[in-house]
Amino acid sequence: MYLSPEILTISIIVMILLGYIWGRRCGLQEGFRRGLACGPLEVRRQSLSAGYCFICGAQGSLTGESHCYYTVDEDSMDRVELSLS
């Protein structure tokens, strides 16, 4: 069976477009999950280097004691909870 060049060209462009859309969607989802995982760690790193918590304003010490703990609820990945001790 012979395909005309127009149909072949259009089908190749459609396949490339579908691959791009699928890859972008998967990449955005993975980036969002990595951001949720690394976001609290980055806030804590910056807070420790600054000497106080950016969220609650508690003064930290250089002994490694922390006043703020961050947990991510696994059921709803978009919610980050803050608990103070």
Protein backbone atom coordinates (compact mmCIF):
# COMPACT_ATOMS: atom_id res chain seq x y z
CA MET A 1 0.00 0.00 0.00
CA TYR A 2 1.39 3.35 -1.03
CA LEU A 3 0.88 6.45 1.15
CA SER A 4 0.91 9.87 -0.41
CA PRO A 5 3.63 12.24 0.83
CA GLU A 6 1.02 14.62 2.28
CA ILE A 7 -0.55 11.93 4.48
CA LEU A 8 2.87 10.67 5.57
CA THR A 9 4.02 14.19 6.47
CA ILE A 10 0.84 14.98 8.40
CA SER A 11 1.01 11.68 10.31
CA ILE A 12 4.65 12.29 11.28
CA ILE A 13 3.82 15.81 12.50
CA VAL A 14 0.86 14.47 14.52
CA MET A 15 3.03 11.76 16.12
CA ILE A 16 5.70 14.31 17.06
CA LEU A 17 3.06 16.63 18.52
CA LEU A 18 1.49 13.82 20.58
CA GLY A 19 4.93 12.79 21.88
CA TYR A 20 5.69 16.37 22.87
CA ILE A 21 2.36 16.75 24.71
CA TRP A 22 2.81 13.43 26.55
CA GLY A 23 6.41 14.20 27.53
CA ARG A 24 5.58 17.69 28.74
CA ARG A 25 2.72 16.43 30.88
CA CYS A 26 4.88 13.74 32.49
CA GLY A 27 7.69 16.24 33.05
CA LEU A 28 5.41 18.77 34.74
CA GLN A 29 4.01 16.13 37.06
CA GLU A 30 7.48 14.90 38.01
CA GLY A 31 8.69 18.46 38.56
CA PHE A 32 5.73 19.20 40.81
CA ARG A 33 6.44 16.08 42.91
CA ARG A 34 10.13 16.97 43.20
CA GLY A 35 9.22 20.51 44.21
CA LEU A 36 6.97 19.22 46.98
CA ALA A 37 9.74 16.93 48.18
CA CYS A 38 12.56 19.49 48.02
CA GLY A 39 10.68 22.67 48.96
CA PRO A 40 10.58 22.12 52.74
CA LEU A 41 14.22 21.02 52.74
CA GLU A 42 15.26 24.18 50.92
CA VAL A 43 13.30 26.39 53.34
CA ARG A 44 14.95 24.61 56.25
CA ARG A 45 18.43 24.98 54.70
CA GLN A 46 17.92 28.71 54.17
CA SER A 47 16.47 29.11 57.66
CA LEU A 48 19.42 27.34 59.26
CA SER A 49 21.91 29.46 57.34
CA ALA A 50 20.04 32.68 58.27
CA GLY A 51 19.71 31.70 61.93
CA TYR A 52 15.94 32.02 62.20
CA CYS A 53 12.83 30.37 60.78
CA PHE A 54 11.38 32.19 57.78
CA ILE A 55 7.89 30.92 58.59
CA CYS A 56 7.46 31.46 62.32
CA GLY A 57 10.41 33.76 63.10
CA ALA A 58 11.84 31.53 65.87
CA GLN A 59 15.52 32.07 66.54
CA GLY A 60 17.66 29.01 65.92
CA SER A 61 20.92 27.95 67.41
CA LEU A 62 24.07 26.75 65.74
CA THR A 63 23.98 23.50 67.75
CA GLY A 64 21.72 21.88 65.17
CA GLU A 65 18.52 22.03 67.21
CA SER A 66 15.48 22.76 65.12
CA HIS A 67 12.19 24.29 66.18
CA CYS A 68 10.20 23.71 62.99
CA TYR A 69 9.34 20.39 61.42
CA TYR A 70 7.77 20.00 58.00
CA THR A 71 5.71 17.01 56.94
CA VAL A 72 4.09 16.23 53.61
CA ASP A 73 0.77 14.42 53.73
CA GLU A 74 1.10 11.50 51.30
CA ASP A 75 -2.66 11.31 50.66
CA SER A 76 -2.83 14.81 49.21
CA MET A 77 0.57 15.70 47.79
CA ASP A 78 -0.32 19.38 47.43
CA ARG A 79 -0.61 20.11 51.17
CA VAL A 80 2.41 20.87 53.34
CA GLU A 81 1.80 21.04 57.07
CA LEU A 82 3.90 22.88 59.63
CA SER A 83 4.16 21.66 63.19
CA LEU A 84 6.16 23.46 65.87
CA SER A 85 7.81 21.70 68.77
